[in-house]
Protein backbone atom coordinates (compact mmCIF):
# COMPACT_ATOMS: atom_id res chain seq x y z
CA UNK A 1 111.60 73.81 91.42
CA UNK A 2 114.60 72.80 91.26
CA UNK A 3 113.98 70.72 87.96
CA UNK A 4 112.24 73.67 86.58
CA UNK A 5 115.59 75.96 87.41
CA UNK A 6 117.83 73.00 85.56
CA UNK A 7 115.50 73.56 82.48
CA UNK A 8 115.75 77.39 82.56
CA UNK A 9 119.62 76.55 82.93
CA UNK A 10 119.24 74.62 79.83
CA UNK A 11 117.75 76.85 77.97
CA UNK A 12 120.39 79.61 78.70
CA UNK A 13 122.86 77.44 77.39
CA UNK A 14 121.02 76.70 74.07
CA UNK A 15 120.69 80.67 73.50
CA UNK A 16 124.11 81.66 74.94
CA UNK A 17 125.14 79.69 72.06
CA UNK A 18 123.02 80.84 69.26
CA UNK A 19 123.75 84.63 69.83
CA UNK A 20 126.98 83.87 68.95
CA UNK A 21 126.44 82.24 65.84
CA UNK A 22 126.97 84.10 62.64
CA UNK A 23 123.53 83.19 61.13
CA UNK A 24 121.99 84.52 64.04
CA UNK A 25 123.79 87.44 63.84
CA UNK A 26 122.76 88.37 60.74
CA UNK A 27 119.11 88.52 61.34
CA UNK A 28 119.00 91.42 63.56
CA UNK A 29 115.14 90.98 64.32
CA UNK A 30 115.96 87.32 65.70
CA UNK A 31 119.21 88.42 67.17
CA UNK A 32 117.37 91.31 68.90
CA UNK A 33 115.08 88.34 70.44
CA UNK A 34 117.17 86.19 71.77
CA UNK A 35 119.54 89.03 73.28
CA UNK A 36 116.49 90.16 75.21
CA UNK A 37 115.65 86.22 76.51
CA UNK A 38 119.51 85.78 77.28
CA UNK A 39 119.25 88.68 79.65
CA UNK A 40 116.42 87.65 81.19
CA UNK A 41 117.00 84.14 81.63
CA UNK A 42 120.44 85.02 83.06
CA UNK A 43 119.03 86.96 85.94
CA UNK A 44 117.72 83.38 86.98
CA UNK A 45 120.71 81.64 86.12
CA UNK A 46 122.75 83.90 88.16
CA UNK A 47 119.99 83.27 91.45
CA UNK A 48 119.98 79.75 90.64
CA UNK A 49 123.95 79.35 90.98
CA UNK A 50 123.94 80.70 94.46
CA UNK A 51 120.68 78.87 94.79
CA UNK A 52 122.65 75.32 94.44
CA UNK A 53 125.88 76.76 96.62
CA UNK A 54 123.92 77.49 99.18
CA UNK A 55 121.74 73.91 99.10
CA UNK A 56 125.93 72.33 99.27
CA UNK A 57 126.82 74.08 102.11
CA UNK A 58 123.63 73.23 104.11
CA UNK A 59 124.12 69.45 102.94
CA UNK A 60 127.98 69.68 104.24
CA UNK A 61 126.94 71.60 107.62
CA UNK A 62 124.58 68.47 108.06
CA UNK A 63 126.90 66.40 107.48
CA UNK A 64 129.28 67.59 110.01
CA UNK A 65 126.84 67.69 112.52
CA UNK A 66 125.89 64.35 111.85
CA UNK A 67 129.82 62.99 112.02
CA UNK A 68 131.75 65.40 113.79
CA UNK A 69 133.25 64.11 117.51
CA UNK A 70 134.15 67.59 118.62
CA UNK A 71 131.61 68.88 120.77
CA UNK A 72 133.06 72.73 120.06
CA UNK A 73 133.03 71.85 116.01
CA UNK A 74 129.38 70.87 115.90
CA UNK A 75 128.18 73.76 117.93
CA UNK A 76 129.85 75.73 115.33
CA UNK A 77 128.21 73.60 112.46
CA UNK A 78 124.80 74.20 114.10
CA UNK A 79 125.36 77.59 114.80
CA UNK A 80 126.44 78.12 110.50
CA UNK A 81 123.18 75.80 110.03
CA UNK A 82 121.00 78.56 111.83
CA UNK A 83 122.21 81.42 109.84
CA UNK A 84 121.76 79.19 106.11
CA UNK A 85 118.93 78.31 106.53
CA UNK A 86 116.61 81.54 106.80
CA UNK A 87 118.88 82.10 103.97
CA UNK A 88 117.51 79.46 101.82
CA UNK A 89 113.54 80.12 102.66
CA UNK A 90 114.35 84.02 101.30
CA UNK A 91 116.19 82.41 98.31
CA UNK A 92 112.93 80.38 97.88
CA UNK A 93 110.95 82.99 97.98
CA UNK A 94 112.63 85.27 95.67
CA UNK A 95 113.15 82.62 92.95
CA UNK A 96 109.14 81.77 93.24
CA UNK A 97 108.98 85.07 92.44
CA UNK A 98 111.26 85.18 89.58
CA UNK A 99 109.50 82.33 87.86
CA UNK A 100 106.12 83.81 87.84
CA UNK A 101 105.18 83.76 84.32
CA UNK A 102 105.99 87.32 83.09
CA UNK A 103 103.60 89.35 80.88
CA UNK A 104 104.81 88.93 77.43
CA UNK A 105 104.61 92.60 76.49
CA UNK A 106 106.64 93.79 79.86
CA UNK A 107 109.91 93.74 77.83
CA UNK A 108 107.89 95.85 75.10
CA UNK A 109 108.90 99.82 74.39
CA UNK A 110 106.17 101.62 74.72
CA UNK A 111 103.93 104.38 73.43
CA UNK A 112 102.79 107.24 76.27
CA UNK A 113 99.55 109.07 75.27
CA UNK A 114 98.42 112.24 78.26
CA UNK A 115 95.50 113.88 78.02
CA UNK A 116 94.09 116.88 80.23
CA UNK A 117 90.58 115.88 81.07
CA UNK A 118 88.41 117.82 83.76
CA UNK A 119 89.57 121.04 84.42
CA UNK A 120 89.31 123.03 82.03
CA UNK A 121 93.20 124.88 81.49
CA UNK A 122 94.46 123.24 84.90
CA UNK A 123 93.88 119.90 83.17
CA UNK A 124 96.20 120.69 80.46
CA UNK A 125 98.62 122.77 82.69
CA UNK A 126 98.79 119.18 85.16
CA UNK A 127 98.84 116.96 81.91
CA UNK A 128 102.21 118.99 80.85
CA UNK A 129 103.41 118.50 84.29
CA UNK A 130 102.75 114.69 84.22
CA UNK A 131 104.50 114.57 80.93
CA UNK A 132 108.01 116.30 82.68
CA UNK A 133 107.24 113.65 85.46
CA UNK A 134 107.94 110.87 82.82
CA UNK A 135 110.58 112.94 81.03
CA UNK A 136 112.63 112.84 84.43
CA UNK A 137 111.83 109.07 85.31
CA UNK A 138 113.11 108.32 81.65
CA UNK A 139 116.68 110.07 82.64
CA UNK A 140 116.57 108.50 86.21
CA UNK A 141 116.18 105.03 84.22
CA UNK A 142 118.21 105.62 81.14
CA UNK A 143 115.50 105.23 78.71
CA UNK A 144 114.95 107.46 75.70
CA UNK A 145 111.91 109.49 74.85
CA UNK A 146 110.54 110.78 71.57
CA UNK A 147 107.89 113.30 70.53
CA UNK A 148 105.15 111.60 68.09
CA UNK A 149 102.49 114.17 68.76
CA UNK A 150 101.00 117.31 70.64
CA UNK A 151 98.41 119.32 70.96
CA UNK A 152 99.23 122.67 73.24
CA UNK A 153 97.15 123.85 76.03
CA UNK A 154 95.44 127.50 76.03
CA UNK A 155 97.24 128.68 79.32
CA UNK A 156 100.29 125.87 79.03
CA UNK A 157 100.79 122.40 78.90
CA UNK A 158 99.27 120.24 76.49
CA UNK A 159 95.56 119.37 75.21
CA UNK A 160 97.43 115.97 74.55
CA UNK A 161 100.76 114.57 74.03
CA UNK A 162 102.40 111.26 72.54
CA UNK A 163 105.74 109.84 73.04
CA UNK A 164 107.59 107.28 72.15
CA UNK A 165 109.93 105.56 75.00
CA UNK A 166 112.71 102.93 74.33
CA UNK A 167 114.44 101.07 76.90
CA UNK A 168 114.82 97.61 78.90
CA UNK A 169 111.72 96.76 80.73
CA UNK A 170 109.52 100.01 79.71
CA UNK A 171 106.01 98.46 79.71
CA UNK A 172 106.68 96.31 82.20
CA UNK A 173 107.40 99.18 84.75
CA UNK A 174 105.49 101.62 83.62
CA UNK A 175 101.84 99.41 82.75
CA UNK A 176 100.38 100.31 85.53
CA UNK A 177 100.50 103.90 85.24
CA UNK A 178 97.58 104.05 82.89
CA UNK A 179 94.64 105.49 84.30
CA UNK A 180 93.17 108.85 85.59
CA UNK A 181 95.68 110.85 87.32
CA UNK A 182 94.16 113.59 89.73
CA UNK A 183 95.57 116.57 91.32
CA UNK A 184 93.97 118.92 94.10
CA UNK A 185 96.00 122.22 93.81
CA UNK A 186 95.30 126.08 93.72
CA UNK A 187 95.49 126.85 89.78
CA UNK A 188 97.76 129.26 88.52
CA UNK A 189 94.53 130.60 86.96
CA UNK A 190 92.43 130.75 90.21
CA UNK A 191 92.45 134.28 91.48
CA UNK A 192 90.65 133.86 94.70
CA UNK A 193 93.26 131.09 96.16
CA UNK A 194 90.46 128.16 95.93
CA UNK A 195 91.70 124.73 95.84
CA UNK A 196 90.60 122.70 92.31
CA UNK A 197 90.45 119.10 91.37
CA UNK A 198 91.24 118.24 87.82
CA UNK A 199 92.26 115.36 86.14
CA UNK A 200 94.47 113.97 83.26
CA UNK A 201 94.15 110.46 81.78
CA UNK A 202 97.35 108.42 80.68
CA UNK A 203 97.04 105.65 78.57
CA UNK A 204 100.77 103.03 78.04
CA UNK A 205 100.22 101.21 75.29
CA UNK A 206 102.77 98.22 74.43
CA UNK A 207 104.92 99.15 71.17
CA UNK A 208 103.92 96.23 68.81
CA UNK A 209 105.88 94.64 65.75
CA UNK A 210 104.07 93.57 62.12
CA UNK A 211 104.34 90.42 63.33
CA UNK A 212 102.25 91.12 66.70
CA UNK A 213 99.08 93.20 64.97
CA UNK A 214 98.76 92.85 60.76
CA UNK A 215 97.27 95.62 58.85
CA UNK A 216 95.83 95.88 55.64
CA UNK A 217 96.89 99.12 54.02
CA UNK A 218 94.10 99.13 52.03
CA UNK A 219 92.20 99.66 55.22
CA UNK A 220 94.25 102.64 56.01
CA UNK A 221 92.91 106.46 54.81
CA UNK A 222 96.18 108.47 54.61
CA UNK A 223 95.65 112.66 55.04
CA UNK A 224 98.42 115.20 54.70
CA UNK A 225 98.25 118.62 56.15
CA UNK A 226 100.45 121.20 57.42
CA UNK A 227 102.43 121.29 60.57
CA UNK A 228 101.18 123.60 63.71
CA UNK A 229 103.72 124.77 66.62
CA UNK A 230 107.44 124.76 66.77
CA UNK A 231 109.50 123.62 63.53
CA UNK A 232 111.08 126.34 61.82
CA UNK A 233 110.38 127.13 57.68
CA UNK A 234 108.76 123.62 57.24
CA UNK A 235 105.36 124.75 59.97
CA UNK A 236 102.32 126.05 57.88
CA UNK A 237 104.21 125.69 54.37
CA UNK A 238 104.51 121.79 53.53
CA UNK A 239 102.37 118.91 54.19
CA UNK A 240 104.42 117.23 56.00
CA UNK A 241 102.25 116.57 58.97
CA UNK A 242 100.62 112.49 58.30
CA UNK A 243 96.92 111.37 59.67
CA UNK A 244 95.70 107.67 59.59
CA UNK A 245 92.53 106.50 59.64
CA UNK A 246 91.75 103.18 60.48
CA UNK A 247 88.59 102.24 58.82
CA UNK A 248 87.50 99.07 60.24
CA UNK A 249 87.88 100.39 63.58
CA UNK A 250 87.72 104.06 62.96
CA UNK A 251 91.06 104.90 65.07
CA UNK A 252 92.59 108.06 64.14
CA UNK A 253 96.16 108.72 64.62
CA UNK A 254 98.54 111.77 63.78
CA UNK A 255 101.98 112.68 63.56
CA UNK A 256 103.54 116.17 62.75
CA UNK A 257 106.57 116.18 65.25
CA UNK A 258 109.34 115.45 62.15
CA UNK A 259 109.79 117.68 58.84
CA UNK A 260 109.55 114.68 56.70
CA UNK A 261 106.52 113.18 55.64
CA UNK A 262 107.73 109.85 55.56
CA UNK A 263 109.38 109.80 59.11
CA UNK A 264 105.62 110.91 60.41
CA UNK A 265 104.04 108.28 58.64
CA UNK A 266 106.17 105.52 60.06
CA UNK A 267 105.68 107.22 63.76
CA UNK A 268 101.40 107.06 63.10
CA UNK A 269 101.44 103.98 61.63
CA UNK A 270 103.75 102.84 65.04
CA UNK A 271 100.95 104.32 66.99
CA UNK A 272 98.21 103.22 65.29
CA UNK A 273 99.60 99.64 65.81
CA UNK A 274 100.33 99.77 69.11
CA UNK A 275 96.17 101.29 69.70
CA UNK A 276 94.70 98.37 67.77
CA UNK A 277 97.20 95.90 69.78
CA UNK A 278 95.59 97.54 72.94
CA UNK A 279 91.97 97.05 71.58
CA UNK A 280 92.32 93.40 71.10
CA UNK A 281 94.16 92.98 74.52
CA UNK A 282 91.50 95.00 76.15
CA UNK A 283 89.18 92.40 74.71
CA UNK A 284 91.08 89.50 76.32
CA UNK A 285 91.29 91.36 79.53
CA UNK A 286 87.48 91.73 79.66
CA UNK A 287 87.00 87.97 79.42
CA UNK A 288 90.10 87.30 82.15
CA UNK A 289 88.31 90.01 84.50
CA UNK A 290 84.57 87.73 84.71
CA UNK A 291 86.74 85.55 86.19
CA UNK A 292 89.12 87.63 88.61
CA UNK A 293 89.01 91.60 89.23
CA UNK A 294 92.78 92.58 89.59
CA UNK A 295 93.93 94.70 92.89
CA UNK A 296 96.10 96.59 90.70
CA UNK A 297 93.35 97.27 88.61
CA UNK A 298 93.17 96.32 85.06
CA UNK A 299 94.94 99.64 83.49
CA UNK A 300 91.55 101.05 82.19
CA UNK A 301 91.71 104.77 81.23
CA UNK A 302 88.67 105.37 83.49
CA UNK A 303 90.49 103.52 86.64
CA UNK A 304 91.31 106.89 88.96
CA UNK A 305 94.70 105.27 90.27
CA UNK A 306 96.44 108.12 92.12
CA UNK A 307 95.87 111.78 93.57
CA UNK A 308 98.66 114.46 93.82
CA UNK A 309 97.48 117.00 96.53
CA UNK A 310 99.82 120.15 96.52
CA UNK A 311 98.55 121.62 99.78
CA UNK A 312 99.50 118.29 101.68
CA UNK A 313 102.47 117.53 99.62
CA UNK A 314 100.67 114.04 99.34
CA UNK A 315 100.89 111.53 96.77
CA UNK A 316 97.94 108.65 96.81
CA UNK A 317 98.05 105.46 94.94
CA UNK A 318 94.30 104.33 95.49
CA UNK A 319 94.69 101.29 94.10
CA UNK A 320 97.28 99.95 96.73
CA UNK A 321 96.68 102.40 99.10
CA UNK A 322 100.15 103.62 99.28
CA UNK A 323 100.63 107.20 100.44
CA UNK A 324 103.67 109.24 100.29
CA UNK A 325 104.43 112.66 101.63
CA UNK A 326 107.29 114.10 98.95
CA UNK A 327 105.28 115.57 96.14
CA UNK A 328 108.08 117.34 94.61
CA UNK A 329 110.29 114.66 94.19
CA UNK A 330 107.72 112.73 92.88
CA UNK A 331 106.82 115.32 90.35
CA UNK A 332 110.46 115.21 89.62
CA UNK A 333 109.98 111.81 88.48
CA UNK A 334 110.94 109.51 91.60
CA UNK A 335 107.99 107.17 91.38
CA UNK A 336 110.04 103.89 91.54
CA UNK A 337 108.38 103.28 95.37
CA UNK A 338 104.90 102.95 93.54
CA UNK A 339 106.18 100.83 90.36
CA UNK A 340 107.81 98.57 92.73
CA UNK A 341 105.12 98.54 95.25
CA UNK A 342 102.54 97.96 92.14
CA UNK A 343 104.69 95.03 90.95
CA UNK A 344 104.68 93.22 94.13
CA UNK A 345 100.98 93.43 94.31
CA UNK A 346 100.82 91.91 90.94
CA UNK A 347 103.40 89.22 91.90
CA UNK A 348 101.75 88.38 95.30
CA UNK A 349 98.14 88.09 93.18
CA UNK A 350 99.54 85.52 90.74
CA UNK A 351 101.21 83.49 93.62
CA UNK A 352 97.68 83.19 95.58
CA UNK A 353 96.51 82.29 91.61
CA UNK A 354 99.29 79.17 92.03
CA UNK A 355 100.98 80.52 89.06
CA UNK A 356 104.16 79.00 89.74
CA UNK A 357 105.09 75.32 89.84
CA UNK A 358 107.37 74.15 92.18
């Protein structure tokens, strides 16, 4: 493990020199990539320094126990050793977890898609509730959310809403939100007070660059149409909304949020890239799933992942069996406990698979 940590430290030194190189700074794409790597490596390097200091303290304490003639000093050294050894064990566990190979997509921004499913008007209202949940989570995390496209429900909420989220490790934290979210409550549209079960699906797509997915522009059909919904004078008067169809796969995306056709085209292309990347990612995951089935799920949109029960103020994540009784806080964006427990479950699986080399 020390050899691996030392190699990481050497790479950290290299990256530290590169990010102050004028040639690198002038290449924004490379600079941004190296800056992200610097931040990731720095987390491990800081722990490595603490670990080396701890090992040095243990060695010094051992020498005192072996060579000190004064019984009182030796006793004090033994007490110190009793405190240091558990610290070393805890730190080694922490380092092992940090050395687990990360999903290369974890540091990416995302495209978040929420769609009302079974349940009619109530499903659309619930999709709107989930949208607000993620809005508030973004506020808590210091992330930025940008609207891309939406279709409103007839009684409120959204039949579909698509947003972009940018920030630190957005995909790494939200990737397990993909799947079917189920709600149990008395809908606003229910006159007899009966509890209904409705659902909305969430898809979390890593935002990708041109280098990740090569798109032949000749394979794309571009259609323009008038925007609908809020937007001022340009709504229903200018053909600013964009619909892109990827002919080889049949994937269709659209964007009508911006008044500018060019900006809508750029946003739609970003979503198209992410969806095509997801198709390739799904193929890889399907191949891997023949070897193993992840405890936390594949992130498939058809997987039922979480239930929000309003009468009991209960939220249950079915993948890890975690239940909390603070539904109002969860709907206000407080889902960090779910994020952390899902991350721990994934890391535990990877450790079992022996993906960390000591």
